[in-house]
Amino acid sequence: MTIYRLFKNEAFQPEAIDAMTDAYADVCRALGLTDHDQLQTDMVAKTVIEFAQRGVKDSVGLRDCVLQALRT
């Protein structure tokens, strides 16, 4: 699964990209998503990016925020 294509034009520090990538993978695993679930994985990626833009910096925090947002 790749999140890079969705934020390739955004300005994020390498550490933020690592945290976002880890959070994305964790959320997809938690939700049982695979590369074939394009619409759902895109939603996960966009939500990860939104929370990162809001200032959530670490992968665990991003994961938790995204899971909560997607489950409500």
C-alpha atoms as a PDB file:
ATOM      1  CA  MET A   1       0.000   0.000   0.000  1.00  0.00           C
ATOM      2  CA  THR A   2       1.274   3.435  -0.790  1.00  0.00           C
ATOM      3  CA  ILE A   3       0.362   6.761   0.696  1.00  0.00           C
ATOM      4  CA  TYR A   4       3.143   8.685  -1.037  1.00  0.00           C
ATOM      5  CA  ARG A   5       1.190   9.483  -4.188  1.00  0.00           C
ATOM      6  CA  LEU A   6      -1.386  11.426  -2.170  1.00  0.00           C
ATOM      7  CA  PHE A   7       1.053  13.755  -0.447  1.00  0.00           C
ATOM      8  CA  LYS A   8       3.829  14.029  -3.009  1.00  0.00           C
ATOM      9  CA  ASN A   9       2.988  17.724  -3.563  1.00  0.00           C
ATOM     10  CA  GLU A  10       2.724  18.543   0.155  1.00  0.00           C
ATOM     11  CA  ALA A  11       5.563  19.948   2.236  1.00  0.00           C
ATOM     12  CA  PHE A  12       6.271  17.495   5.064  1.00  0.00           C
ATOM     13  CA  GLN A  13       9.505  16.821   6.888  1.00  0.00           C
ATOM     14  CA  PRO A  14      10.988  13.322   6.467  1.00  0.00           C
ATOM     15  CA  GLU A  15      10.090  12.440  10.070  1.00  0.00           C
ATOM     16  CA  ALA A  16       6.466  13.415   9.453  1.00  0.00           C
ATOM     17  CA  ILE A  17       6.370  11.307   6.296  1.00  0.00           C
ATOM     18  CA  ASP A  18       7.710   8.315   8.237  1.00  0.00           C
ATOM     19  CA  ALA A  19       5.066   8.783  10.953  1.00  0.00           C
ATOM     20  CA  MET A  20       2.307   9.202   8.377  1.00  0.00           C
ATOM     21  CA  THR A  21       3.389   6.107   6.480  1.00  0.00           C
ATOM     22  CA  ASP A  22       3.516   4.040   9.673  1.00  0.00           C
ATOM     23  CA  ALA A  23       0.107   5.310  10.793  1.00  0.00           C
ATOM     24  CA  TYR A  24      -1.388   4.591   7.371  1.00  0.00           C
ATOM     25  CA  ALA A  25      -0.091   1.017   7.412  1.00  0.00           C
ATOM     26  CA  ASP A  26      -1.288   0.483  11.000  1.00  0.00           C
ATOM     27  CA  VAL A  27      -4.791   1.782  10.243  1.00  0.00           C
ATOM     28  CA  CYS A  28      -5.080  -0.323   7.094  1.00  0.00           C
ATOM     29  CA  ARG A  29      -4.020  -3.416   9.057  1.00  0.00           C
ATOM     30  CA  ALA A  30      -6.444  -2.624  11.874  1.00  0.00           C
ATOM     31  CA  LEU A  31      -9.293  -2.266   9.384  1.00  0.00           C
ATOM     32  CA  GLY A  32      -8.266  -5.312   7.334  1.00  0.00           C
ATOM     33  CA  LEU A  33      -7.709  -3.273   4.176  1.00  0.00           C
ATOM     34  CA  THR A  34      -5.493  -4.328   1.282  1.00  0.00           C
ATOM     35  CA  ASP A  35      -4.233  -2.660  -1.887  1.00  0.00           C
ATOM     36  CA  HIS A  36      -7.409  -3.834  -3.612  1.00  0.00           C
ATOM     37  CA  ASP A  37      -9.554  -1.651  -1.329  1.00  0.00           C
ATOM     38  CA  GLN A  38      -8.682   1.528  -3.247  1.00  0.00           C
ATOM     39  CA  LEU A  39     -11.545   3.755  -2.085  1.00  0.00           C
ATOM     40  CA  GLN A  40     -11.078   2.844   1.570  1.00  0.00           C
ATOM     41  CA  THR A  41      -7.278   3.105   1.527  1.00  0.00           C
ATOM     42  CA  ASP A  42      -7.518   6.504  -0.172  1.00  0.00           C
ATOM     43  CA  MET A  43      -9.864   7.628   2.609  1.00  0.00           C
ATOM     44  CA  VAL A  44      -7.381   6.395   5.216  1.00  0.00           C
ATOM     45  CA  ALA A  45      -4.531   8.231   3.490  1.00  0.00           C
ATOM     46  CA  LYS A  46      -6.476  11.481   3.197  1.00  0.00           C
ATOM     47  CA  THR A  47      -7.484  11.288   6.855  1.00  0.00           C
ATOM     48  CA  VAL A  48      -3.884  10.648   7.927  1.00  0.00           C
ATOM     49  CA  ILE A  49      -2.793  13.692   5.929  1.00  0.00           C
ATOM     50  CA  GLU A  50      -5.551  15.838   7.471  1.00  0.00           C
ATOM     51  CA  PHE A  51      -4.486  14.995  11.014  1.00  0.00           C
ATOM     52  CA  ALA A  52      -0.822  15.505  10.162  1.00  0.00           C
ATOM     53  CA  GLN A  53      -1.669  18.947   8.773  1.00  0.00           C
ATOM     54  CA  ARG A  54      -3.503  19.700  12.031  1.00  0.00           C
ATOM     55  CA  GLY A  55      -0.304  19.018  13.948  1.00  0.00           C
ATOM     56  CA  VAL A  56      -0.484  15.393  15.059  1.00  0.00           C
ATOM     57  CA  LYS A  57       3.148  14.353  14.686  1.00  0.00           C
ATOM     58  CA  ASP A  58       3.670  10.797  15.930  1.00  0.00           C
ATOM     59  CA  SER A  59       2.491   7.616  14.246  1.00  0.00           C
ATOM     60  CA  VAL A  60       0.583   6.315  17.283  1.00  0.00           C
ATOM     61  CA  GLY A  61      -1.278   9.600  17.697  1.00  0.00           C
ATOM     62  CA  LEU A  62      -2.070   9.699  13.990  1.00  0.00           C
ATOM     63  CA  ARG A  63      -3.246   6.088  14.027  1.00  0.00           C
ATOM     64  CA  ASP A  64      -5.516   6.673  17.007  1.00  0.00           C
ATOM     65  CA  CYS A  65      -7.016   9.872  15.574  1.00  0.00           C
ATOM     66  CA  VAL A  66      -7.657   8.288  12.192  1.00  0.00           C
ATOM     67  CA  LEU A  67      -9.225   5.139  13.640  1.00  0.00           C
ATOM     68  CA  GLN A  68     -11.490   7.212  15.834  1.00  0.00           C
ATOM     69  CA  ALA A  69     -12.482   9.495  12.950  1.00  0.00           C
ATOM     70  CA  LEU A  70     -13.232   6.620  10.602  1.00  0.00           C
ATOM     71  CA  ARG A  71     -15.218   4.675  13.142  1.00  0.00           C
ATOM     72  CA  THR A  72     -17.582   7.550  14.008  1.00  0.00           C
END
